[in-house]
Amino acid sequence: MGDDGKRVNEGDKDKVRSHVRVELAMPVGIVSGALGQAAGKVYTTTDISPSGFYIKTDLKVDNGTRLFAKYVLPSGRRGMRSGSVVRCDGKGIAVCFDSVDPLIMEEFGYSDKNR
C-alpha cells in the first residue's frame, strides 16, 4: 500500500485509502449541534481526511457528541458536514463524518471509482 493516499492495487481490485490524513491548518466553524458554547466560532484543523478531521480547541466534549461544521478548503471551495466526536484529548477533538466527504476526496486526489 502506498503512503500517498491514492488508490492502491491489491490483487485485481483498486481500493481507496480514505483513512489517510492530510496535515492541514484549515479554518472550520462549528455551526450547531450539542456544542452550543462553540457555535459560531472558528477553529483550526491539524489534519483532515475524507472521513473526518481533528479540530484544535480546549473544549471538553463527550465522545458521541453531534456537531455540524463548515469549512473552507485550500482551493476556496466550501463544505459542510455533520458528524460525531470520537475523541477529546484536551488539545482538540476528533470528528468522524456521517459519510465520506466528496469535496475533500476531490481536493486531495482521492478516487471513489471502484468502491
PDB file of N, CA and C in Angstrom:
ATOM      1  N   MET A   1       0.835  -1.192   0.000  1.00  0.00           N
ATOM      2  CA  MET A   1       0.000   0.000   0.000  1.00  0.00           C
ATOM      3  C   MET A   1       0.874   1.247   0.000  1.00  0.00           C
ATOM      4  N   GLY A   2       0.470   2.220  -0.791  1.00  0.00           N
ATOM      5  CA  GLY A   2       1.238   3.455  -0.872  1.00  0.00           C
ATOM      6  C   GLY A   2       0.908   4.402   0.262  1.00  0.00           C
ATOM      7  N   ASP A   3       1.821   5.335   0.510  1.00  0.00           N
ATOM      8  CA  ASP A   3       1.615   6.318   1.569  1.00  0.00           C
ATOM      9  C   ASP A   3       1.096   7.642   1.032  1.00  0.00           C
ATOM     10  N   ASP A   4       0.738   7.683  -0.247  1.00  0.00           N
ATOM     11  CA  ASP A   4       0.320   8.940  -0.844  1.00  0.00           C
ATOM     12  C   ASP A   4      -1.177   9.187  -0.758  1.00  0.00           C
ATOM     13  N   GLY A   5      -1.942   8.258  -0.179  1.00  0.00           N
ATOM     14  CA  GLY A   5      -3.374   8.452  -0.022  1.00  0.00           C
ATOM     15  C   GLY A   5      -4.168   8.202  -1.277  1.00  0.00           C
ATOM     16  N   LYS A   6      -3.554   7.658  -2.287  1.00  0.00           N
ATOM     17  CA  LYS A   6      -4.254   7.399  -3.544  1.00  0.00           C
ATOM     18  C   LYS A   6      -4.632   5.931  -3.622  1.00  0.00           C
ATOM     19  N   ARG A   7      -5.316   5.576  -4.705  1.00  0.00           N
ATOM     20  CA  ARG A   7      -5.720   4.192  -4.881  1.00  0.00           C
ATOM     21  C   ARG A   7      -4.505   3.282  -4.858  1.00  0.00           C
ATOM     22  N   VAL A   8      -4.690   2.123  -4.268  1.00  0.00           N
ATOM     23  CA  VAL A   8      -3.619   1.151  -4.144  1.00  0.00           C
ATOM     24  C   VAL A   8      -4.104  -0.154  -4.738  1.00  0.00           C
ATOM     25  N   ASN A   9      -3.284  -0.765  -5.566  1.00  0.00           N
ATOM     26  CA  ASN A   9      -3.671  -2.009  -6.215  1.00  0.00           C
ATOM     27  C   ASN A   9      -3.440  -3.173  -5.266  1.00  0.00           C
ATOM     28  N   GLU A  10      -4.511  -3.860  -4.900  1.00  0.00           N
ATOM     29  CA  GLU A  10      -4.429  -5.052  -4.058  1.00  0.00           C
ATOM     30  C   GLU A  10      -5.006  -6.202  -4.859  1.00  0.00           C
ATOM     31  N   GLY A  11      -4.146  -6.968  -5.509  1.00  0.00           N
ATOM     32  CA  GLY A  11      -4.635  -8.040  -6.360  1.00  0.00           C
ATOM     33  C   GLY A  11      -5.298  -7.446  -7.580  1.00  0.00           C
ATOM     34  N   ASP A  12      -6.525  -7.862  -7.840  1.00  0.00           N
ATOM     35  CA  ASP A  12      -7.244  -7.377  -9.015  1.00  0.00           C
ATOM     36  C   ASP A  12      -8.106  -6.157  -8.732  1.00  0.00           C
ATOM     37  N   LYS A  13      -8.201  -5.733  -7.466  1.00  0.00           N
ATOM     38  CA  LYS A  13      -9.100  -4.631  -7.129  1.00  0.00           C
ATOM     39  C   LYS A  13      -8.311  -3.411  -6.684  1.00  0.00           C
ATOM     40  N   ASP A  14      -8.768  -2.245  -7.115  1.00  0.00           N
ATOM     41  CA  ASP A  14      -8.227  -0.996  -6.596  1.00  0.00           C
ATOM     42  C   ASP A  14      -9.050  -0.620  -5.375  1.00  0.00           C
ATOM     43  N   LYS A  15      -8.390  -0.223  -4.329  1.00  0.00           N
ATOM     44  CA  LYS A  15      -9.059   0.180  -3.093  1.00  0.00           C
ATOM     45  C   LYS A  15      -8.764   1.650  -2.831  1.00  0.00           C
ATOM     46  N   VAL A  16      -9.677   2.313  -2.197  1.00  0.00           N
ATOM     47  CA  VAL A  16      -9.474   3.703  -1.809  1.00  0.00           C
ATOM     48  C   VAL A  16      -8.954   3.721  -0.386  1.00  0.00           C
ATOM     49  N   ARG A  17      -7.899   4.487  -0.171  1.00  0.00           N
ATOM     50  CA  ARG A  17      -7.356   4.624   1.171  1.00  0.00           C
ATOM     51  C   ARG A  17      -7.887   5.920   1.756  1.00  0.00           C
ATOM     52  N   SER A  18      -9.153   5.956   2.102  1.00  0.00           N
ATOM     53  CA  SER A  18      -9.770   7.190   2.579  1.00  0.00           C
ATOM     54  C   SER A  18      -9.359   7.531   4.002  1.00  0.00           C
ATOM     55  N   HIS A  19      -8.676   6.625   4.675  1.00  0.00           N
ATOM     56  CA  HIS A  19      -8.262   6.899   6.045  1.00  0.00           C
ATOM     57  C   HIS A  19      -6.950   7.671   6.112  1.00  0.00           C
ATOM     58  N   VAL A  20      -6.268   7.883   5.005  1.00  0.00           N
ATOM     59  CA  VAL A  20      -5.012   8.619   5.005  1.00  0.00           C
ATOM     60  C   VAL A  20      -5.311  10.083   5.280  1.00  0.00           C
ATOM     61  N   ARG A  21      -4.623  10.649   6.264  1.00  0.00           N
ATOM     62  CA  ARG A  21      -4.869  12.034   6.652  1.00  0.00           C
ATOM     63  C   ARG A  21      -3.898  12.977   5.957  1.00  0.00           C
ATOM     64  N   VAL A  22      -4.354  14.197   5.743  1.00  0.00           N
ATOM     65  CA  VAL A  22      -3.533  15.266   5.203  1.00  0.00           C
ATOM     66  C   VAL A  22      -3.340  16.272   6.324  1.00  0.00           C
ATOM     67  N   GLU A  23      -2.072  16.597   6.652  1.00  0.00           N
ATOM     68  CA  GLU A  23      -1.817  17.614   7.665  1.00  0.00           C
ATOM     69  C   GLU A  23      -2.125  18.970   7.050  1.00  0.00           C
ATOM     70  N   LEU A  24      -3.057  19.688   7.660  1.00  0.00           N
ATOM     71  CA  LEU A  24      -3.512  20.946   7.089  1.00  0.00           C
ATOM     72  C   LEU A  24      -4.166  21.803   8.161  1.00  0.00           C
ATOM     73  N   ALA A  25      -3.709  23.051   8.279  1.00  0.00           N
ATOM     74  CA  ALA A  25      -4.352  24.017   9.166  1.00  0.00           C
ATOM     75  C   ALA A  25      -5.446  24.706   8.358  1.00  0.00           C
ATOM     76  N   MET A  26      -6.660  24.190   8.456  1.00  0.00           N
ATOM     77  CA  MET A  26      -7.795  24.656   7.669  1.00  0.00           C
ATOM     78  C   MET A  26      -8.822  25.283   8.616  1.00  0.00           C
ATOM     79  N   PRO A  27      -9.389  26.456   8.263  1.00  0.00           N
ATOM     80  CA  PRO A  27     -10.424  27.027   9.126  1.00  0.00           C
ATOM     81  C   PRO A  27     -11.696  26.189   9.095  1.00  0.00           C
ATOM     82  N   VAL A  28     -12.264  25.981  10.276  1.00  0.00           N
ATOM     83  CA  VAL A  28     -13.521  25.243  10.384  1.00  0.00           C
ATOM     84  C   VAL A  28     -14.383  25.930  11.441  1.00  0.00           C
ATOM     85  N   GLY A  29     -15.634  26.140  11.122  1.00  0.00           N
ATOM     86  CA  GLY A  29     -16.555  26.756  12.065  1.00  0.00           C
ATOM     87  C   GLY A  29     -17.600  25.761  12.505  1.00  0.00           C
ATOM     88  N   ILE A  30     -17.840  25.693  13.792  1.00  0.00           N
ATOM     89  CA  ILE A  30     -18.889  24.820  14.307  1.00  0.00           C
ATOM     90  C   ILE A  30     -20.195  25.589  14.208  1.00  0.00           C
ATOM     91  N   VAL A  31     -21.125  25.037  13.448  1.00  0.00           N
ATOM     92  CA  VAL A  31     -22.375  25.725  13.145  1.00  0.00           C
ATOM     93  C   VAL A  31     -23.412  25.473  14.226  1.00  0.00           C
ATOM     94  N   SER A  32     -23.630  24.214  14.554  1.00  0.00           N
ATOM     95  CA  SER A  32     -24.629  23.881  15.567  1.00  0.00           C
ATOM     96  C   SER A  32     -24.387  22.470  16.047  1.00  0.00           C
ATOM     97  N   GLY A  33     -25.276  22.022  16.879  1.00  0.00           N
ATOM     98  CA  GLY A  33     -25.155  20.695  17.457  1.00  0.00           C
ATOM     99  C   GLY A  33     -25.198  20.800  18.961  1.00  0.00           C
ATOM    100  N   ALA A  34     -24.738  19.778  19.633  1.00  0.00           N
ATOM    101  CA  ALA A  34     -24.766  19.753  21.089  1.00  0.00           C
ATOM    102  C   ALA A  34     -23.713  20.672  21.698  1.00  0.00           C
ATOM    103  N   LEU A  35     -22.843  21.238  20.868  1.00  0.00           N
ATOM    104  CA  LEU A  35     -21.794  22.132  21.358  1.00  0.00           C
ATOM    105  C   LEU A  35     -22.255  23.580  21.283  1.00  0.00           C
ATOM    106  N   GLY A  36     -23.293  23.927  22.001  1.00  0.00           N
ATOM    107  CA  GLY A  36     -23.853  25.271  21.949  1.00  0.00           C
ATOM    108  C   GLY A  36     -22.842  26.359  22.226  1.00  0.00           C
ATOM    109  N   GLN A  37     -21.916  26.125  23.174  1.00  0.00           N
ATOM    110  CA  GLN A  37     -20.925  27.131  23.534  1.00  0.00           C
ATOM    111  C   GLN A  37     -19.926  27.379  22.420  1.00  0.00           C
ATOM    112  N   ALA A  38     -19.820  26.456  21.461  1.00  0.00           N
ATOM    113  CA  ALA A  38     -18.852  26.587  20.372  1.00  0.00           C
ATOM    114  C   ALA A  38     -19.473  27.127  19.093  1.00  0.00           C
ATOM    115  N   ALA A  39     -20.790  27.166  19.024  1.00  0.00           N
ATOM    116  CA  ALA A  39     -21.477  27.571  17.793  1.00  0.00           C
ATOM    117  C   ALA A  39     -21.069  28.976  17.377  1.00  0.00           C
ATOM    118  N   GLY A  40     -20.759  29.135  16.109  1.00  0.00           N
ATOM    119  CA  GLY A  40     -20.398  30.433  15.571  1.00  0.00           C
ATOM    120  C   GLY A  40     -18.929  30.779  15.668  1.00  0.00           C
ATOM    121  N   LYS A  41     -18.137  29.991  16.366  1.00  0.00           N
ATOM    122  CA  LYS A  41     -16.708  30.265  16.496  1.00  0.00           C
ATOM    123  C   LYS A  41     -15.939  29.541  15.395  1.00  0.00           C
ATOM    124  N   VAL A  42     -14.801  30.108  15.021  1.00  0.00           N
ATOM    125  CA  VAL A  42     -13.951  29.495  14.001  1.00  0.00           C
ATOM    126  C   VAL A  42     -12.740  28.877  14.683  1.00  0.00           C
ATOM    127  N   TYR A  43     -12.472  27.631  14.353  1.00  0.00           N
ATOM    128  CA  TYR A  43     -11.337  26.889  14.888  1.00  0.00           C
ATOM    129  C   TYR A  43     -10.425  26.508  13.732  1.00  0.00           C
ATOM    130  N   THR A  44      -9.361  25.770  14.023  1.00  0.00           N
ATOM    131  CA  THR A  44      -8.414  25.332  13.001  1.00  0.00           C
ATOM    132  C   THR A  44      -8.227  23.836  13.098  1.00  0.00           C
ATOM    133  N   THR A  45      -8.111  23.183  11.952  1.00  0.00           N
ATOM    134  CA  THR A  45      -7.819  21.751  11.944  1.00  0.00           C
ATOM    135  C   THR A  45      -6.310  21.542  11.983  1.00  0.00           C
ATOM    136  N   THR A  46      -5.889  20.355  12.399  1.00  0.00           N
ATOM    137  CA  THR A  46      -4.480  19.972  12.276  1.00  0.00           C
ATOM    138  C   THR A  46      -4.317  18.938  11.186  1.00  0.00           C
ATOM    139  N   ASP A  47      -5.340  18.126  10.963  1.00  0.00           N
ATOM    140  CA  ASP A  47      -5.327  17.177   9.852  1.00  0.00           C
ATOM    141  C   ASP A  47      -6.753  16.843   9.454  1.00  0.00           C
ATOM    142  N   ILE A  48      -6.886  16.425   8.194  1.00  0.00           N
ATOM    143  CA  ILE A  48      -8.198  16.080   7.662  1.00  0.00           C
ATOM    144  C   ILE A  48      -8.095  14.820   6.820  1.00  0.00           C
ATOM    145  N   SER A  49      -9.211  14.174   6.628  1.00  0.00           N
ATOM    146  CA  SER A  49      -9.333  13.063   5.684  1.00  0.00           C
ATOM    147  C   SER A  49     -10.773  13.097   5.183  1.00  0.00           C
ATOM    148  N   PRO A  50     -11.104  12.325   4.157  1.00  0.00           N
ATOM    149  CA  PRO A  50     -12.491  12.308   3.697  1.00  0.00           C
ATOM    150  C   PRO A  50     -13.463  11.774   4.751  1.00  0.00           C
ATOM    151  N   SER A  51     -12.929  11.159   5.802  1.00  0.00           N
ATOM    152  CA  SER A  51     -13.768  10.569   6.846  1.00  0.00           C
ATOM    153  C   SER A  51     -13.930  11.451   8.075  1.00  0.00           C
ATOM    154  N   GLY A  52     -13.128  12.514   8.194  1.00  0.00           N
ATOM    155  CA  GLY A  52     -13.234  13.364   9.364  1.00  0.00           C
ATOM    156  C   GLY A  52     -12.064  14.317   9.496  1.00  0.00           C
ATOM    157  N   PHE A  53     -12.058  15.081  10.605  1.00  0.00           N
ATOM    158  CA  PHE A  53     -10.935  15.962  10.872  1.00  0.00           C
ATOM    159  C   PHE A  53     -10.713  16.129  12.363  1.00  0.00           C
ATOM    160  N   TYR A  54      -9.556  16.719  12.703  1.00  0.00           N
ATOM    161  CA  TYR A  54      -9.188  16.997  14.084  1.00  0.00           C
ATOM    162  C   TYR A  54      -9.176  18.512  14.236  1.00  0.00           C
ATOM    163  N   ILE A  55      -9.960  19.018  15.189  1.00  0.00           N
ATOM    164  CA  ILE A  55     -10.097  20.453  15.416  1.00  0.00           C
ATOM    165  C   ILE A  55      -9.340  20.828  16.684  1.00  0.00           C
ATOM    166  N   LYS A  56      -8.447  21.829  16.580  1.00  0.00           N
ATOM    167  CA  LYS A  56      -7.734  22.318  17.756  1.00  0.00           C
ATOM    168  C   LYS A  56      -8.681  23.166  18.601  1.00  0.00           C
ATOM    169  N   THR A  57      -8.877  22.768  19.845  1.00  0.00           N
ATOM    170  CA  THR A  57      -9.716  23.517  20.782  1.00  0.00           C
ATOM    171  C   THR A  57      -9.477  22.980  22.187  1.00  0.00           C
ATOM    172  N   ASP A  58      -9.765  23.796  23.181  1.00  0.00           N
ATOM    173  CA  ASP A  58      -9.652  23.329  24.565  1.00  0.00           C
ATOM    174  C   ASP A  58     -11.014  22.930  25.139  1.00  0.00           C
ATOM    175  N   LEU A  59     -12.030  22.838  24.290  1.00  0.00           N
ATOM    176  CA  LEU A  59     -13.355  22.404  24.737  1.00  0.00           C
ATOM    177  C   LEU A  59     -13.299  20.986  25.289  1.00  0.00           C
ATOM    178  N   LYS A  60     -14.042  20.736  26.331  1.00  0.00           N
ATOM    179  CA  LYS A  60     -14.198  19.381  26.877  1.00  0.00           C
ATOM    180  C   LYS A  60     -15.510  18.834  26.330  1.00  0.00           C
ATOM    181  N   VAL A  61     -15.413  17.798  25.526  1.00  0.00           N
ATOM    182  CA  VAL A  61     -16.570  17.267  24.817  1.00  0.00           C
ATOM    183  C   VAL A  61     -16.634  15.761  25.011  1.00  0.00           C
ATOM    184  N   ASP A  62     -17.830  15.243  25.241  1.00  0.00           N
ATOM    185  CA  ASP A  62     -18.011  13.796  25.383  1.00  0.00           C
ATOM    186  C   ASP A  62     -17.990  13.118  24.022  1.00  0.00           C
ATOM    187  N   ASN A  63     -17.436  11.908  23.996  1.00  0.00           N
ATOM    188  CA  ASN A  63     -17.497  11.105  22.775  1.00  0.00           C
ATOM    189  C   ASN A  63     -18.954  10.900  22.389  1.00  0.00           C
ATOM    190  N   GLY A  64     -19.224  10.932  21.095  1.00  0.00           N
ATOM    191  CA  GLY A  64     -20.584  10.761  20.601  1.00  0.00           C
ATOM    192  C   GLY A  64     -21.342  12.062  20.422  1.00  0.00           C
ATOM    193  N   THR A  65     -20.780  13.181  20.905  1.00  0.00           N
ATOM    194  CA  THR A  65     -21.442  14.474  20.754  1.00  0.00           C
ATOM    195  C   THR A  65     -21.588  14.807  19.273  1.00  0.00           C
ATOM    196  N   ARG A  66     -22.801  15.179  18.862  1.00  0.00           N
ATOM    197  CA  ARG A  66     -23.088  15.501  17.461  1.00  0.00           C
ATOM    198  C   ARG A  66     -22.746  16.960  17.172  1.00  0.00           C
ATOM    199  N   LEU A  67     -22.237  17.221  15.953  1.00  0.00           N
ATOM    200  CA  LEU A  67     -22.000  18.594  15.544  1.00  0.00           C
ATOM    201  C   LEU A  67     -22.099  18.733  14.028  1.00  0.00           C
ATOM    202  N   PHE A  68     -22.262  19.968  13.604  1.00  0.00           N
ATOM    203  CA  PHE A  68     -22.272  20.336  12.190  1.00  0.00           C
ATOM    204  C   PHE A  68     -21.191  21.388  12.025  1.00  0.00           C
ATOM    205  N   ALA A  69     -20.332  21.218  11.042  1.00  0.00           N
ATOM    206  CA  ALA A  69     -19.217  22.140  10.858  1.00  0.00           C
ATOM    207  C   ALA A  69     -19.116  22.583   9.403  1.00  0.00           C
ATOM    208  N   LYS A  70     -18.762  23.863   9.221  1.00  0.00           N
ATOM    209  CA  LYS A  70     -18.478  24.411   7.892  1.00  0.00           C
ATOM    210  C   LYS A  70     -16.967  24.534   7.775  1.00  0.00           C
ATOM    211  N   TYR A  71     -16.456  24.376   6.553  1.00  0.00           N
ATOM    212  CA  TYR A  71     -15.021  24.502   6.352  1.00  0.00           C
ATOM    213  C   TYR A  71     -14.731  25.128   4.994  1.00  0.00           C
ATOM    214  N   VAL A  72     -13.495  25.629   4.846  1.00  0.00           N
ATOM    215  CA  VAL A  72     -13.031  26.194   3.585  1.00  0.00           C
ATOM    216  C   VAL A  72     -11.770  25.438   3.192  1.00  0.00           C
ATOM    217  N   LEU A  73     -11.788  24.822   2.009  1.00  0.00           N
ATOM    218  CA  LEU A  73     -10.636  24.076   1.505  1.00  0.00           C
ATOM    219  C   LEU A  73      -9.606  25.036   0.909  1.00  0.00           C
ATOM    220  N   PRO A  74      -8.353  24.595   0.729  1.00  0.00           N
ATOM    221  CA  PRO A  74      -7.326  25.476   0.158  1.00  0.00           C
ATOM    222  C   PRO A  74      -7.709  26.077  -1.198  1.00  0.00           C
ATOM    223  N   SER A  75      -8.533  25.382  -1.972  1.00  0.00           N
ATOM    224  CA  SER A  75      -8.963  25.891  -3.283  1.00  0.00           C
ATOM    225  C   SER A  75     -10.010  26.996  -3.158  1.00  0.00           C
ATOM    226  N   GLY A  76     -10.534  27.201  -1.950  1.00  0.00           N
ATOM    227  CA  GLY A  76     -11.588  28.185  -1.734  1.00  0.00           C
ATOM    228  C   GLY A  76     -12.977  27.577  -1.708  1.00  0.00           C
ATOM    229  N   ARG A  77     -13.087  26.307  -2.084  1.00  0.00           N
ATOM    230  CA  ARG A  77     -14.389  25.629  -2.039  1.00  0.00           C
ATOM    231  C   ARG A  77     -14.819  25.473  -0.584  1.00  0.00           C
ATOM    232  N   ARG A  78     -16.109  25.577  -0.377  1.00  0.00           N
ATOM    233  CA  ARG A  78     -16.661  25.486   0.975  1.00  0.00           C
ATOM    234  C   ARG A  78     -17.522  24.243   1.101  1.00  0.00           C
ATOM    235  N   GLY A  79     -17.498  23.665   2.279  1.00  0.00           N
ATOM    236  CA  GLY A  79     -18.308  22.486   2.528  1.00  0.00           C
ATOM    237  C   GLY A  79     -18.892  22.516   3.925  1.00  0.00           C
ATOM    238  N   MET A  80     -19.814  21.617   4.168  1.00  0.00           N
ATOM    239  CA  MET A  80     -20.432  21.481   5.490  1.00  0.00           C
ATOM    240  C   MET A  80     -20.695  20.004   5.719  1.00  0.00           C
ATOM    241  N   ARG A  81     -20.324  19.506   6.881  1.00  0.00           N
ATOM    242  CA  ARG A  81     -20.505  18.095   7.206  1.00  0.00           C
ATOM    243  C   ARG A  81     -21.057  17.955   8.610  1.00  0.00           C
ATOM    244  N   SER A  82     -21.810  16.889   8.798  1.00  0.00           N
ATOM    245  CA  SER A  82     -22.261  16.519  10.137  1.00  0.00           C
ATOM    246  C   SER A  82     -21.440  15.317  10.574  1.00  0.00           C
ATOM    247  N   GLY A  83     -21.298  15.184  11.869  1.00  0.00           N
ATOM    248  CA  GLY A  83     -20.530  14.061  12.385  1.00  0.00           C
ATOM    249  C   GLY A  83     -20.620  13.973  13.892  1.00  0.00           C
ATOM    250  N   SER A  84     -19.796  13.099  14.440  1.00  0.00           N
ATOM    251  CA  SER A  84     -19.765  12.864  15.884  1.00  0.00           C
ATOM    252  C   SER A  84     -18.337  12.949  16.391  1.00  0.00           C
ATOM    253  N   VAL A  85     -18.198  13.429  17.611  1.00  0.00           N
ATOM    254  CA  VAL A  85     -16.890  13.463  18.261  1.00  0.00           C
ATOM    255  C   VAL A  85     -16.514  12.033  18.638  1.00  0.00           C
ATOM    256  N   VAL A  86     -15.318  11.617  18.228  1.00  0.00           N
ATOM    257  CA  VAL A  86     -14.846  10.271  18.566  1.00  0.00           C
ATOM    258  C   VAL A  86     -13.697  10.299  19.564  1.00  0.00           C
ATOM    259  N   ARG A  87     -13.095  11.485  19.771  1.00  0.00           N
ATOM    260  CA  ARG A  87     -12.020  11.606  20.754  1.00  0.00           C
ATOM    261  C   ARG A  87     -11.883  13.056  21.180  1.00  0.00           C
ATOM    262  N   CYS A  88     -11.663  13.266  22.467  1.00  0.00           N
ATOM    263  CA  CYS A  88     -11.371  14.584  23.019  1.00  0.00           C
ATOM    264  C   CYS A  88     -10.180  14.405  23.945  1.00  0.00           C
ATOM    265  N   ASP A  89      -9.054  15.048  23.617  1.00  0.00           N
ATOM    266  CA  ASP A  89      -7.838  14.798  24.389  1.00  0.00           C
ATOM    267  C   ASP A  89      -7.254  16.024  25.075  1.00  0.00           C
ATOM    268  N   GLY A  90      -8.014  17.091  25.201  1.00  0.00           N
ATOM    269  CA  GLY A  90      -7.521  18.290  25.861  1.00  0.00           C
ATOM    270  C   GLY A  90      -6.836  19.265  24.913  1.00  0.00           C
ATOM    271  N   LYS A  91      -6.363  18.781  23.773  1.00  0.00           N
ATOM    272  CA  LYS A  91      -5.750  19.642  22.760  1.00  0.00           C
ATOM    273  C   LYS A  91      -6.702  19.885  21.598  1.00  0.00           C
ATOM    274  N   GLY A  92      -7.741  19.045  21.520  1.00  0.00           N
ATOM    275  CA  GLY A  92      -8.684  19.177  20.425  1.00  0.00           C
ATOM    276  C   GLY A  92      -9.679  18.035  20.404  1.00  0.00           C
ATOM    277  N   ILE A  93     -10.489  18.019  19.352  1.00  0.00           N
ATOM    278  CA  ILE A  93     -11.489  16.966  19.202  1.00  0.00           C
ATOM    279  C   ILE A  93     -11.378  16.336  17.813  1.00  0.00           C
ATOM    280  N   ALA A  94     -11.499  15.025  17.776  1.00  0.00           N
ATOM    281  CA  ALA A  94     -11.523  14.290  16.515  1.00  0.00           C
ATOM    282  C   ALA A  94     -12.981  14.060  16.146  1.00  0.00           C
ATOM    283  N   VAL A  95     -13.330  14.428  14.926  1.00  0.00           N
ATOM    284  CA  VAL A  95     -14.702  14.312  14.443  1.00  0.00           C
ATOM    285  C   VAL A  95     -14.735  13.313  13.296  1.00  0.00           C
ATOM    286  N   CYS A  96     -15.652  12.362  13.383  1.00  0.00           N
ATOM    287  CA  CYS A  96     -15.875  11.394  12.310  1.00  0.00           C
ATOM    288  C   CYS A  96     -17.152  11.805  11.581  1.00  0.00           C
ATOM    289  N   PHE A  97     -17.045  12.021  10.266  1.00  0.00           N
ATOM    290  CA  PHE A  97     -18.208  12.417   9.477  1.00  0.00           C
ATOM    291  C   PHE A  97     -19.211  11.273   9.385  1.00  0.00           C
ATOM    292  N   ASP A  98     -20.476  11.629   9.166  1.00  0.00           N
ATOM    293  CA  ASP A  98     -21.525  10.626   8.966  1.00  0.00           C
ATOM    294  C   ASP A  98     -21.323   9.856   7.668  1.00  0.00           C
ATOM    295  N   SER A  99     -20.711  10.496   6.684  1.00  0.00           N
ATOM    296  CA  SER A  99     -20.405   9.840   5.411  1.00  0.00           C
ATOM    297  C   SER A  99     -19.131  10.461   4.847  1.00  0.00           C
ATOM    298  N   VAL A 100     -18.503   9.765   3.921  1.00  0.00           N
ATOM    299  CA  VAL A 100     -17.278  10.250   3.294  1.00  0.00           C
ATOM    300  C   VAL A 100     -17.575  11.551   2.551  1.00  0.00           C
ATOM    301  N   ASP A 101     -16.675  12.520   2.663  1.00  0.00           N
ATOM    302  CA  ASP A 101     -16.872  13.837   2.065  1.00  0.00           C
ATOM    303  C   ASP A 101     -16.312  13.877   0.639  1.00  0.00           C
ATOM    304  N   PRO A 102     -17.187  14.025  -0.371  1.00  0.00           N
ATOM    305  CA  PRO A 102     -16.710  14.034  -1.756  1.00  0.00           C
ATOM    306  C   PRO A 102     -15.850  15.253  -2.108  1.00  0.00           C
ATOM    307  N   LEU A 103     -16.081  16.404  -1.468  1.00  0.00           N
ATOM    308  CA  LEU A 103     -15.259  17.584  -1.749  1.00  0.00           C
ATOM    309  C   LEU A 103     -13.817  17.368  -1.315  1.00  0.00           C
ATOM    310  N   ILE A 104     -13.633  16.791  -0.135  1.00  0.00           N
ATOM    311  CA  ILE A 104     -12.278  16.519   0.345  1.00  0.00           C
ATOM    312  C   ILE A 104     -11.620  15.458  -0.531  1.00  0.00           C
ATOM    313  N   MET A 105     -12.394  14.476  -0.961  1.00  0.00           N
ATOM    314  CA  MET A 105     -11.839  13.452  -1.854  1.00  0.00           C
ATOM    315  C   MET A 105     -11.333  14.090  -3.147  1.00  0.00           C
ATOM    316  N   GLU A 106     -12.115  14.986  -3.734  1.00  0.00           N
ATOM    317  CA  GLU A 106     -11.699  15.671  -4.964  1.00  0.00           C
ATOM    318  C   GLU A 106     -10.495  16.567  -4.732  1.00  0.00           C
ATOM    319  N   GLU A 107     -10.540  17.330  -3.651  1.00  0.00           N
ATOM    320  CA  GLU A 107      -9.497  18.322  -3.368  1.00  0.00           C
ATOM    321  C   GLU A 107      -8.111  17.688  -3.264  1.00  0.00           C
ATOM    322  N   PHE A 108      -8.046  16.521  -2.657  1.00  0.00           N
ATOM    323  CA  PHE A 108      -6.743  15.915  -2.389  1.00  0.00           C
ATOM    324  C   PHE A 108      -6.445  14.695  -3.250  1.00  0.00           C
ATOM    325  N   GLY A 109      -7.219  14.500  -4.317  1.00  0.00           N
ATOM    326  CA  GLY A 109      -6.890  13.486  -5.296  1.00  0.00           C
ATOM    327  C   GLY A 109      -7.282  12.069  -4.962  1.00  0.00           C
ATOM    328  N   TYR A 110      -8.190  11.882  -4.008  1.00  0.00           N
ATOM    329  CA  TYR A 110      -8.704  10.545  -3.754  1.00  0.00           C
ATOM    330  C   TYR A 110      -9.630  10.181  -4.906  1.00  0.00           C
ATOM    331  N   SER A 111      -9.858   8.923  -5.117  1.00  0.00           N
ATOM    332  CA  SER A 111     -10.769   8.484  -6.168  1.00  0.00           C
ATOM    333  C   SER A 111     -11.814   7.580  -5.554  1.00  0.00           C
ATOM    334  N   ASP A 112     -13.075   7.767  -5.947  1.00  0.00           N
ATOM    335  CA  ASP A 112     -14.113   6.878  -5.428  1.00  0.00           C
ATOM    336  C   ASP A 112     -14.538   5.861  -6.474  1.00  0.00           C
ATOM    337  N   LYS A 113     -13.812   5.790  -7.591  1.00  0.00           N
ATOM    338  CA  LYS A 113     -14.117   4.765  -8.585  1.00  0.00           C
ATOM    339  C   LYS A 113     -13.791   3.397  -8.001  1.00  0.00           C
ATOM    340  N   ASN A 114     -14.549   2.411  -8.393  1.00  0.00           N
ATOM    341  CA  ASN A 114     -14.326   1.019  -7.982  1.00  0.00           C
ATOM    342  C   ASN A 114     -14.541   0.793  -6.495  1.00  0.00           C
ATOM    343  N   ARG A 115     -15.337   1.638  -5.852  1.00  0.00           N
ATOM    344  CA  ARG A 115     -15.607   1.447  -4.419  1.00  0.00           C
ATOM    345  C   ARG A 115     -16.726   0.496  -4.229  1.00  0.00           C
TER     346      ARG A 115
END
